[in-house]
N, C-alpha and C. Protein backbone atom coordinates (compact mmCIF):
# COMPACT_ATOMS: atom_id res chain seq x y z
N MET A 1 24.68 20.75 19.27
CA MET A 1 25.42 21.98 19.51
C MET A 1 24.57 22.89 20.38
N PRO A 2 25.15 23.51 21.42
CA PRO A 2 24.39 24.45 22.25
C PRO A 2 24.04 25.70 21.44
N HIS A 3 22.94 26.31 21.80
CA HIS A 3 22.49 27.52 21.12
C HIS A 3 22.30 28.64 22.13
N ALA A 4 22.43 29.86 21.64
CA ALA A 4 22.19 31.04 22.46
C ALA A 4 20.85 31.62 22.04
N GLY A 5 19.96 31.80 22.98
CA GLY A 5 18.71 32.48 22.68
C GLY A 5 18.98 33.96 22.62
N PHE A 6 18.62 34.58 21.54
CA PHE A 6 18.88 36.00 21.34
C PHE A 6 17.55 36.68 21.11
N ARG A 7 17.22 37.63 21.96
CA ARG A 7 15.98 38.39 21.79
C ARG A 7 16.32 39.77 21.28
N HIS A 8 15.43 40.31 20.51
CA HIS A 8 15.63 41.67 20.04
C HIS A 8 14.30 42.40 20.07
N ARG A 9 14.41 43.69 20.11
CA ARG A 9 13.22 44.53 20.00
C ARG A 9 13.48 45.49 18.85
N ARG A 10 12.66 45.44 17.86
CA ARG A 10 12.80 46.30 16.70
C ARG A 10 11.52 47.11 16.62
N GLN A 11 11.63 48.35 17.04
CA GLN A 11 10.48 49.22 17.21
C GLN A 11 9.51 48.52 18.15
N THR A 12 8.38 48.03 17.68
CA THR A 12 7.44 47.40 18.58
C THR A 12 7.42 45.89 18.45
N SER A 13 8.16 45.34 17.48
CA SER A 13 8.15 43.89 17.33
C SER A 13 9.27 43.26 18.14
N ARG A 14 9.05 42.03 18.51
CA ARG A 14 10.07 41.28 19.25
C ARG A 14 10.32 39.99 18.50
N GLY A 15 11.50 39.46 18.65
CA GLY A 15 11.82 38.20 18.01
C GLY A 15 12.79 37.41 18.86
N ARG A 16 12.86 36.14 18.59
CA ARG A 16 13.82 35.29 19.27
C ARG A 16 14.45 34.39 18.23
N PHE A 17 15.76 34.30 18.28
CA PHE A 17 16.49 33.49 17.32
C PHE A 17 17.38 32.53 18.08
N ASP A 18 17.34 31.30 17.70
CA ASP A 18 18.24 30.31 18.27
C ASP A 18 19.41 30.17 17.31
N VAL A 19 20.56 30.62 17.77
CA VAL A 19 21.77 30.58 16.95
C VAL A 19 22.90 30.02 17.80
N ALA A 20 23.92 29.53 17.14
CA ALA A 20 25.09 29.03 17.87
C ALA A 20 25.66 30.17 18.70
N PRO A 21 26.04 29.91 19.96
CA PRO A 21 26.51 30.98 20.84
C PRO A 21 27.76 31.71 20.35
N ASP A 22 28.53 31.07 19.48
CA ASP A 22 29.74 31.72 18.99
C ASP A 22 29.51 32.47 17.68
N THR A 23 28.26 32.54 17.22
CA THR A 23 27.94 33.30 16.02
C THR A 23 28.22 34.78 16.29
N PRO A 24 28.99 35.43 15.42
CA PRO A 24 29.23 36.86 15.63
C PRO A 24 27.93 37.65 15.63
N LEU A 25 27.83 38.60 16.56
CA LEU A 25 26.65 39.44 16.67
C LEU A 25 26.32 40.09 15.32
N LEU A 26 27.32 40.52 14.59
CA LEU A 26 27.10 41.16 13.29
C LEU A 26 26.19 40.32 12.40
N TRP A 27 26.47 39.03 12.32
CA TRP A 27 25.70 38.17 11.42
C TRP A 27 24.30 37.93 11.92
N VAL A 28 24.11 37.89 13.22
CA VAL A 28 22.76 37.76 13.76
C VAL A 28 21.95 39.01 13.43
N LEU A 29 22.57 40.18 13.62
CA LEU A 29 21.88 41.44 13.32
C LEU A 29 21.50 41.52 11.84
N ARG A 30 22.42 41.18 10.97
CA ARG A 30 22.18 41.30 9.53
C ARG A 30 21.28 40.19 8.99
N GLU A 31 21.61 38.95 9.32
CA GLU A 31 20.94 37.82 8.69
C GLU A 31 19.66 37.39 9.40
N ASN A 32 19.63 37.44 10.72
CA ASN A 32 18.46 36.97 11.46
C ASN A 32 17.47 38.09 11.75
N VAL A 33 18.01 39.24 12.16
CA VAL A 33 17.13 40.35 12.54
C VAL A 33 16.77 41.21 11.33
N GLY A 34 17.65 41.25 10.32
CA GLY A 34 17.37 42.04 9.12
C GLY A 34 17.82 43.48 9.20
N LEU A 35 18.69 43.79 10.16
CA LEU A 35 19.24 45.15 10.29
C LEU A 35 20.57 45.19 9.55
N THR A 36 20.56 45.72 8.34
CA THR A 36 21.74 45.66 7.49
C THR A 36 22.57 46.94 7.47
N GLY A 37 22.24 47.90 8.32
CA GLY A 37 23.01 49.13 8.38
C GLY A 37 24.41 48.91 8.94
N THR A 38 24.57 47.93 9.79
CA THR A 38 25.87 47.58 10.35
C THR A 38 26.60 46.75 9.30
N LYS A 39 27.81 47.13 8.97
CA LYS A 39 28.53 46.53 7.84
C LYS A 39 29.65 45.59 8.28
N TYR A 40 29.96 44.66 7.39
CA TYR A 40 31.13 43.79 7.55
C TYR A 40 32.28 44.47 6.83
N GLY A 41 33.40 44.62 7.53
CA GLY A 41 34.56 45.23 6.89
C GLY A 41 35.76 44.31 6.87
N CYS A 42 36.18 43.86 8.05
CA CYS A 42 37.42 43.09 8.12
C CYS A 42 37.26 41.74 8.82
N GLY A 43 36.32 41.62 9.72
CA GLY A 43 36.12 40.38 10.45
C GLY A 43 37.05 40.17 11.63
N ILE A 44 37.91 41.15 11.91
CA ILE A 44 38.86 41.01 13.03
C ILE A 44 38.85 42.23 13.96
N SER A 45 37.78 42.98 13.95
CA SER A 45 37.58 44.13 14.84
C SER A 45 38.59 45.25 14.66
N GLN A 46 39.12 45.40 13.48
CA GLN A 46 40.11 46.44 13.25
C GLN A 46 39.54 47.69 12.57
N CYS A 47 38.62 47.52 11.62
CA CYS A 47 38.21 48.67 10.81
C CYS A 47 37.06 49.47 11.41
N GLY A 48 36.17 48.82 12.17
CA GLY A 48 35.08 49.53 12.83
C GLY A 48 33.81 49.67 12.03
N ALA A 49 33.74 49.13 10.81
CA ALA A 49 32.50 49.23 10.01
C ALA A 49 31.34 48.54 10.72
N CYS A 50 31.66 47.60 11.60
CA CYS A 50 30.64 46.80 12.29
C CYS A 50 30.26 47.36 13.66
N THR A 51 30.68 48.56 13.99
CA THR A 51 30.46 49.11 15.33
C THR A 51 28.98 49.30 15.63
N VAL A 52 28.58 48.78 16.78
CA VAL A 52 27.24 48.98 17.34
C VAL A 52 27.46 49.43 18.78
N GLN A 53 26.39 49.74 19.46
CA GLN A 53 26.50 50.07 20.89
C GLN A 53 25.84 48.96 21.69
N ILE A 54 26.55 48.52 22.72
CA ILE A 54 25.99 47.57 23.67
C ILE A 54 26.03 48.26 25.02
N ASN A 55 24.84 48.44 25.58
CA ASN A 55 24.69 49.19 26.83
C ASN A 55 25.39 50.54 26.74
N GLY A 56 25.30 51.17 25.56
CA GLY A 56 25.83 52.51 25.36
C GLY A 56 27.30 52.59 25.01
N GLU A 57 27.99 51.47 24.99
CA GLU A 57 29.42 51.45 24.66
C GLU A 57 29.62 50.98 23.23
N ALA A 58 30.57 51.60 22.53
CA ALA A 58 30.89 51.18 21.17
C ALA A 58 31.59 49.82 21.20
N VAL A 59 31.08 48.90 20.39
CA VAL A 59 31.61 47.54 20.34
C VAL A 59 31.69 47.10 18.88
N ARG A 60 32.75 46.43 18.53
CA ARG A 60 32.91 45.88 17.18
C ARG A 60 32.17 44.53 17.14
N SER A 61 31.12 44.46 16.36
CA SER A 61 30.23 43.29 16.40
C SER A 61 30.67 42.12 15.54
N CYS A 62 31.69 42.31 14.70
CA CYS A 62 32.10 41.23 13.80
C CYS A 62 32.78 40.08 14.53
N SER A 63 33.34 40.35 15.68
CA SER A 63 34.04 39.28 16.40
C SER A 63 33.47 39.05 17.80
N LEU A 64 32.36 39.70 18.12
CA LEU A 64 31.72 39.50 19.41
C LEU A 64 30.72 38.37 19.31
N PRO A 65 30.92 37.28 20.05
CA PRO A 65 29.94 36.20 20.02
C PRO A 65 28.59 36.70 20.53
N VAL A 66 27.52 36.29 19.88
CA VAL A 66 26.18 36.72 20.27
C VAL A 66 25.90 36.36 21.73
N SER A 67 26.52 35.31 22.22
CA SER A 67 26.29 34.90 23.61
C SER A 67 26.72 35.97 24.60
N GLU A 68 27.65 36.85 24.21
CA GLU A 68 28.09 37.93 25.08
C GLU A 68 27.15 39.13 25.04
N ALA A 69 26.21 39.12 24.11
CA ALA A 69 25.27 40.24 23.97
C ALA A 69 23.89 39.90 24.52
N VAL A 70 23.67 38.66 24.86
CA VAL A 70 22.35 38.23 25.36
C VAL A 70 22.00 39.02 26.62
N GLY A 71 20.80 39.58 26.62
CA GLY A 71 20.31 40.32 27.78
C GLY A 71 20.79 41.75 27.88
N LYS A 72 21.52 42.21 26.88
CA LYS A 72 22.05 43.57 26.90
C LYS A 72 21.32 44.43 25.89
N GLN A 73 21.38 45.75 26.08
CA GLN A 73 20.75 46.70 25.16
C GLN A 73 21.67 46.90 23.96
N ILE A 74 21.22 46.51 22.79
CA ILE A 74 22.00 46.64 21.56
C ILE A 74 21.37 47.73 20.71
N THR A 75 22.18 48.69 20.30
CA THR A 75 21.69 49.76 19.42
C THR A 75 22.52 49.73 18.14
N THR A 76 21.82 49.69 17.03
CA THR A 76 22.48 49.77 15.72
C THR A 76 22.17 51.14 15.12
N ILE A 77 22.74 51.40 13.97
CA ILE A 77 22.50 52.68 13.30
C ILE A 77 21.02 52.90 13.05
N GLU A 78 20.27 51.82 12.84
CA GLU A 78 18.84 51.96 12.59
C GLU A 78 18.09 52.49 13.81
N GLY A 79 18.64 52.31 14.99
CA GLY A 79 17.97 52.75 16.21
C GLY A 79 18.52 54.01 16.82
N LEU A 80 19.46 54.66 16.15
CA LEU A 80 20.08 55.85 16.73
C LEU A 80 19.15 57.06 16.72
N ALA A 81 18.45 57.28 15.63
CA ALA A 81 17.47 58.38 15.57
C ALA A 81 16.32 58.05 16.52
N GLN A 82 15.75 59.05 17.14
CA GLN A 82 14.66 58.84 18.08
C GLN A 82 13.42 59.60 17.62
N ASN A 83 12.31 58.90 17.56
CA ASN A 83 11.02 59.50 17.17
C ASN A 83 11.12 60.25 15.84
N GLY A 84 11.86 59.68 14.91
CA GLY A 84 11.97 60.28 13.59
C GLY A 84 12.94 61.45 13.50
N VAL A 85 13.64 61.74 14.59
CA VAL A 85 14.60 62.85 14.61
C VAL A 85 16.01 62.27 14.61
N LEU A 86 16.80 62.69 13.64
CA LEU A 86 18.17 62.20 13.56
C LEU A 86 18.96 62.60 14.81
N HIS A 87 19.89 61.75 15.19
CA HIS A 87 20.83 62.06 16.28
C HIS A 87 21.72 63.21 15.81
N LYS A 88 22.22 64.00 16.74
CA LYS A 88 23.03 65.16 16.35
C LYS A 88 24.28 64.77 15.56
N VAL A 89 24.80 63.57 15.77
CA VAL A 89 25.95 63.12 14.99
C VAL A 89 25.52 62.86 13.55
N GLN A 90 24.37 62.25 13.36
CA GLN A 90 23.87 62.01 12.01
C GLN A 90 23.64 63.34 11.28
N LYS A 91 23.08 64.31 11.98
CA LYS A 91 22.84 65.63 11.38
C LYS A 91 24.16 66.28 10.97
N ALA A 92 25.16 66.21 11.85
CA ALA A 92 26.46 66.81 11.55
C ALA A 92 27.12 66.12 10.36
N TRP A 93 26.94 64.80 10.26
CA TRP A 93 27.52 64.06 9.12
C TRP A 93 26.95 64.59 7.81
N ILE A 94 25.65 64.85 7.79
CA ILE A 94 24.99 65.36 6.59
C ILE A 94 25.45 66.78 6.31
N GLU A 95 25.44 67.62 7.34
CA GLU A 95 25.81 69.03 7.17
C GLU A 95 27.24 69.21 6.70
N HIS A 96 28.13 68.29 7.07
CA HIS A 96 29.55 68.41 6.72
C HIS A 96 29.96 67.49 5.58
N ASP A 97 28.96 66.92 4.89
CA ASP A 97 29.24 66.06 3.74
C ASP A 97 30.32 65.03 4.03
N VAL A 98 30.21 64.35 5.15
CA VAL A 98 31.24 63.39 5.54
C VAL A 98 31.32 62.19 4.61
N PRO A 99 30.22 61.52 4.29
CA PRO A 99 30.37 60.28 3.52
C PRO A 99 30.87 60.49 2.11
N GLN A 100 31.75 59.61 1.69
CA GLN A 100 32.12 59.50 0.28
C GLN A 100 31.36 58.27 -0.23
N CYS A 101 31.94 57.08 -0.04
CA CYS A 101 31.20 55.88 -0.43
C CYS A 101 30.16 55.52 0.63
N GLY A 102 30.42 55.89 1.88
CA GLY A 102 29.47 55.69 2.97
C GLY A 102 29.54 54.35 3.67
N TYR A 103 30.33 53.43 3.18
CA TYR A 103 30.33 52.07 3.72
C TYR A 103 30.68 52.03 5.21
N CYS A 104 31.68 52.78 5.63
CA CYS A 104 32.14 52.74 7.02
C CYS A 104 31.34 53.67 7.94
N GLN A 105 30.50 54.49 7.37
CA GLN A 105 29.92 55.60 8.14
C GLN A 105 28.99 55.18 9.27
N SER A 106 28.23 54.11 9.11
CA SER A 106 27.34 53.72 10.21
C SER A 106 28.15 53.35 11.45
N GLY A 107 29.25 52.63 11.25
CA GLY A 107 30.11 52.28 12.38
C GLY A 107 30.77 53.50 12.99
N MET A 108 31.20 54.42 12.14
CA MET A 108 31.84 55.64 12.62
C MET A 108 30.84 56.47 13.44
N ILE A 109 29.64 56.62 12.93
CA ILE A 109 28.61 57.39 13.64
C ILE A 109 28.29 56.75 14.99
N MET A 110 28.19 55.42 15.03
CA MET A 110 27.88 54.74 16.29
C MET A 110 29.01 54.93 17.30
N ALA A 111 30.25 54.91 16.84
CA ALA A 111 31.39 55.12 17.73
C ALA A 111 31.39 56.54 18.29
N VAL A 112 31.11 57.52 17.45
CA VAL A 112 31.09 58.92 17.90
C VAL A 112 29.93 59.15 18.87
N ALA A 113 28.76 58.60 18.56
CA ALA A 113 27.61 58.76 19.47
C ALA A 113 27.91 58.16 20.84
N ALA A 114 28.62 57.05 20.87
CA ALA A 114 29.02 56.44 22.15
C ALA A 114 30.04 57.33 22.87
N LEU A 115 30.98 57.90 22.13
CA LEU A 115 31.97 58.79 22.73
C LEU A 115 31.30 59.97 23.41
N PHE A 116 30.26 60.52 22.78
CA PHE A 116 29.55 61.68 23.35
C PHE A 116 28.92 61.37 24.70
N LYS A 117 28.63 60.12 24.98
CA LYS A 117 28.03 59.77 26.27
C LYS A 117 29.02 59.98 27.41
N SER A 118 30.29 59.75 27.15
CA SER A 118 31.30 59.95 28.20
C SER A 118 32.03 61.28 28.06
N LYS A 119 32.11 61.80 26.84
CA LYS A 119 32.81 63.06 26.59
C LYS A 119 31.96 63.89 25.62
N PRO A 120 31.03 64.67 26.16
CA PRO A 120 30.12 65.44 25.30
C PRO A 120 30.82 66.47 24.41
N LYS A 121 31.98 66.92 24.82
CA LYS A 121 32.75 67.88 24.03
C LYS A 121 34.18 67.35 23.89
N PRO A 122 34.36 66.32 23.07
CA PRO A 122 35.68 65.70 22.97
C PRO A 122 36.72 66.62 22.34
N THR A 123 37.93 66.51 22.84
CA THR A 123 39.06 67.23 22.26
C THR A 123 39.59 66.41 21.08
N ASP A 124 40.51 66.98 20.33
CA ASP A 124 41.14 66.21 19.26
C ASP A 124 41.85 64.98 19.82
N ALA A 125 42.46 65.11 20.98
CA ALA A 125 43.11 63.96 21.61
C ALA A 125 42.09 62.87 21.96
N ASP A 126 40.91 63.26 22.46
CA ASP A 126 39.85 62.30 22.76
C ASP A 126 39.40 61.58 21.49
N ILE A 127 39.27 62.34 20.42
CA ILE A 127 38.85 61.76 19.14
C ILE A 127 39.90 60.77 18.65
N ASN A 128 41.16 61.17 18.71
CA ASN A 128 42.24 60.29 18.26
C ASN A 128 42.27 58.99 19.07
N GLU A 129 42.03 59.09 20.35
CA GLU A 129 42.10 57.93 21.23
C GLU A 129 40.90 57.01 21.08
N ASN A 130 39.72 57.57 20.86
CA ASN A 130 38.50 56.78 20.89
C ASN A 130 37.90 56.41 19.54
N ILE A 131 38.14 57.20 18.53
CA ILE A 131 37.56 56.92 17.22
C ILE A 131 38.67 56.33 16.34
N THR A 132 38.74 55.01 16.37
CA THR A 132 39.80 54.30 15.65
C THR A 132 39.26 53.62 14.39
N ASN A 133 38.04 53.97 14.01
CA ASN A 133 37.44 53.40 12.81
C ASN A 133 38.24 53.86 11.58
N ILE A 134 38.27 52.99 10.58
CA ILE A 134 39.00 53.29 9.35
C ILE A 134 38.02 53.71 8.26
N CYS A 135 38.36 54.81 7.59
CA CYS A 135 37.61 55.26 6.41
C CYS A 135 38.56 55.13 5.23
N ARG A 136 38.28 54.20 4.36
CA ARG A 136 39.18 53.98 3.22
C ARG A 136 39.13 55.13 2.21
N CYS A 137 38.08 55.95 2.29
CA CYS A 137 37.99 57.11 1.39
C CYS A 137 38.78 58.30 1.93
N GLY A 138 39.20 58.22 3.19
CA GLY A 138 40.03 59.28 3.75
C GLY A 138 39.28 60.52 4.19
N THR A 139 38.09 60.37 4.71
CA THR A 139 37.29 61.53 5.11
C THR A 139 37.57 61.97 6.55
N PHE A 140 38.72 61.67 7.06
CA PHE A 140 39.00 61.93 8.47
C PHE A 140 38.88 63.40 8.87
N GLN A 141 39.25 64.31 7.99
CA GLN A 141 39.13 65.73 8.33
C GLN A 141 37.66 66.14 8.44
N GLN A 142 36.83 65.65 7.52
CA GLN A 142 35.40 65.94 7.60
C GLN A 142 34.78 65.29 8.84
N VAL A 143 35.25 64.09 9.18
CA VAL A 143 34.77 63.41 10.38
C VAL A 143 35.06 64.27 11.61
N ARG A 144 36.28 64.74 11.72
CA ARG A 144 36.68 65.55 12.87
C ARG A 144 35.85 66.84 12.94
N GLU A 145 35.65 67.50 11.80
CA GLU A 145 34.85 68.72 11.77
C GLU A 145 33.41 68.42 12.21
N ALA A 146 32.85 67.31 11.73
CA ALA A 146 31.48 66.95 12.08
C ALA A 146 31.37 66.62 13.57
N ILE A 147 32.37 65.97 14.12
CA ILE A 147 32.36 65.65 15.56
C ILE A 147 32.34 66.94 16.37
N HIS A 148 33.19 67.87 16.03
CA HIS A 148 33.22 69.15 16.76
C HIS A 148 31.91 69.93 16.59
N ALA A 149 31.35 69.89 15.39
CA ALA A 149 30.07 70.57 15.15
C ALA A 149 28.96 69.93 15.98
N ALA A 150 28.91 68.61 16.01
CA ALA A 150 27.87 67.92 16.80
C ALA A 150 28.05 68.20 18.27
N ALA A 151 29.28 68.29 18.72
CA ALA A 151 29.54 68.58 20.14
C ALA A 151 29.06 69.98 20.52
N SER A 152 29.07 70.88 19.55
CA SER A 152 28.63 72.25 19.80
C SER A 152 27.12 72.45 19.61
N ALA A 153 26.47 71.44 19.05
CA ALA A 153 25.03 71.55 18.74
C ALA A 153 24.18 71.45 20.00
């Protein structure tokens, strides 16, 4: 069976994993790299719990073959904070008590952080169009408030 060489950089360490090219990126991140902040929710790219950023764009990693991520910049929730300082979206999530169970939140935060790269001050329409992650606890109002707060920060 052909394999995809997957390299990662985790802080200062580097690794290489030989995995089947059709292995979902989510499982490589969780099982091979050990980054478990990205969650499995549905397996069909609908709920968004598995959202990571690839080259700055929000991507659902549960159905993305690792072969499509080779050579690209992958950012997970573990890499969003820089130099020990939380990203403004993470800060807003805390300030607005967004998480209930918290399971979907890493994917939601990654999607919002990616949205800010193209729309630093998103409107409600922008949020509706771009943030399609599902929160089974129903924290959508707190999510929206936190997005607007982070945009103003």
